[in-house]
Amino acid sequence: MGLLRDLILAVVPAGVAASMERDSRAWKLTCPCGHTRSFWEIGGIRWKAAGEPRKLLRCPACGKLEWHRTHWQPEG
């Protein structure tokens, strides 16, 4: 997982890649069970994004296929 992300990061300038990683780590996905992880953790990129779409994913905590809420939560 993350192969496409790694390919994209290999061809963009280092500053842009760092910005993509920072933004992707700040965008979180939260399962109804309460487990939260970032887009970066699941192998994705969410950069200069807006809106809060839901994503259908299997939760590693509860094991269920659930709609995860997307939200901005900067680290720190």
Protein backbone atom coordinates (compact mmCIF):
# COMPACT_ATOMS: atom_id res chain seq x y z
CA MET A 1 0.00 0.00 0.00
CA GLY A 2 1.32 3.43 -0.85
CA LEU A 3 3.10 2.43 -4.07
CA LEU A 4 1.41 5.19 -6.07
CA ARG A 5 2.13 7.64 -3.25
CA ASP A 6 5.82 6.67 -3.28
CA LEU A 7 5.95 7.10 -7.07
CA ILE A 8 4.39 10.57 -6.86
CA LEU A 9 6.74 11.63 -4.06
CA ALA A 10 9.73 10.45 -6.09
CA VAL A 11 9.00 12.87 -8.96
CA VAL A 12 7.95 16.02 -7.10
CA PRO A 13 10.42 18.48 -5.51
CA ALA A 14 11.42 17.78 -1.89
CA GLY A 15 9.56 20.83 -0.56
CA VAL A 16 6.33 19.77 -2.25
CA ALA A 17 6.76 16.20 -1.00
CA ALA A 18 7.20 17.47 2.57
CA SER A 19 4.07 19.60 2.26
CA MET A 20 2.10 16.61 0.91
CA GLU A 21 3.22 14.46 3.84
CA ARG A 22 2.43 17.15 6.42
CA ASP A 23 -1.09 17.71 5.02
CA SER A 24 -1.77 13.98 4.63
CA ARG A 25 -0.79 13.35 8.26
CA ALA A 26 -3.18 16.12 9.41
CA TRP A 27 -6.19 14.65 7.55
CA LYS A 28 -7.66 11.91 9.75
CA LEU A 29 -10.09 9.06 9.13
CA THR A 30 -12.22 8.05 12.11
CA CYS A 31 -14.23 4.84 12.36
CA PRO A 32 -17.57 4.84 14.23
CA CYS A 33 -15.81 2.67 16.86
CA GLY A 34 -13.52 5.66 17.58
CA HIS A 35 -10.28 4.42 16.00
CA THR A 36 -8.47 7.25 14.15
CA ARG A 37 -5.63 7.13 11.64
CA SER A 38 -4.24 9.53 9.05
CA PHE A 39 -4.43 9.40 5.28
CA TRP A 40 -0.65 8.99 5.33
CA GLU A 41 -0.94 5.88 7.52
CA ILE A 42 -3.25 4.18 5.02
CA GLY A 43 -0.87 4.93 2.14
CA GLY A 44 -2.68 7.91 0.68
CA ILE A 45 -2.12 11.58 -0.06
CA ARG A 46 -4.62 14.30 0.77
CA TRP A 47 -2.94 17.59 -0.11
CA LYS A 48 -4.49 21.07 -0.35
CA ALA A 49 -7.86 19.41 0.10
CA ALA A 50 -11.23 20.70 1.23
CA GLY A 51 -14.40 19.02 2.35
CA GLU A 52 -14.95 16.02 4.56
CA PRO A 53 -15.92 13.01 2.44
CA ARG A 54 -16.60 9.62 3.98
CA LYS A 55 -14.45 6.63 2.97
CA LEU A 56 -15.52 3.00 3.13
CA LEU A 57 -12.61 1.19 4.81
CA ARG A 58 -11.96 -1.84 6.99
CA CYS A 59 -11.05 -0.70 10.48
CA PRO A 60 -7.94 -2.35 11.96
CA ALA A 61 -9.34 -1.90 15.48
CA CYS A 62 -12.83 -3.39 15.17
CA GLY A 63 -12.34 -5.33 11.92
CA LYS A 64 -15.59 -4.04 10.40
CA LEU A 65 -16.04 -2.50 6.96
CA GLU A 66 -17.38 0.93 7.95
CA TRP A 67 -17.75 4.47 6.62
CA HIS A 68 -14.92 6.50 8.12
CA ARG A 69 -15.34 10.23 8.72
CA THR A 70 -12.65 12.46 7.19
CA HIS A 71 -11.62 15.51 9.22
CA TRP A 72 -8.73 17.94 9.63
CA GLN A 73 -6.77 17.47 12.85
CA PRO A 74 -3.26 18.94 12.78
CA GLU A 75 -0.73 17.14 14.96
CA GLY A 76 0.77 18.86 17.93
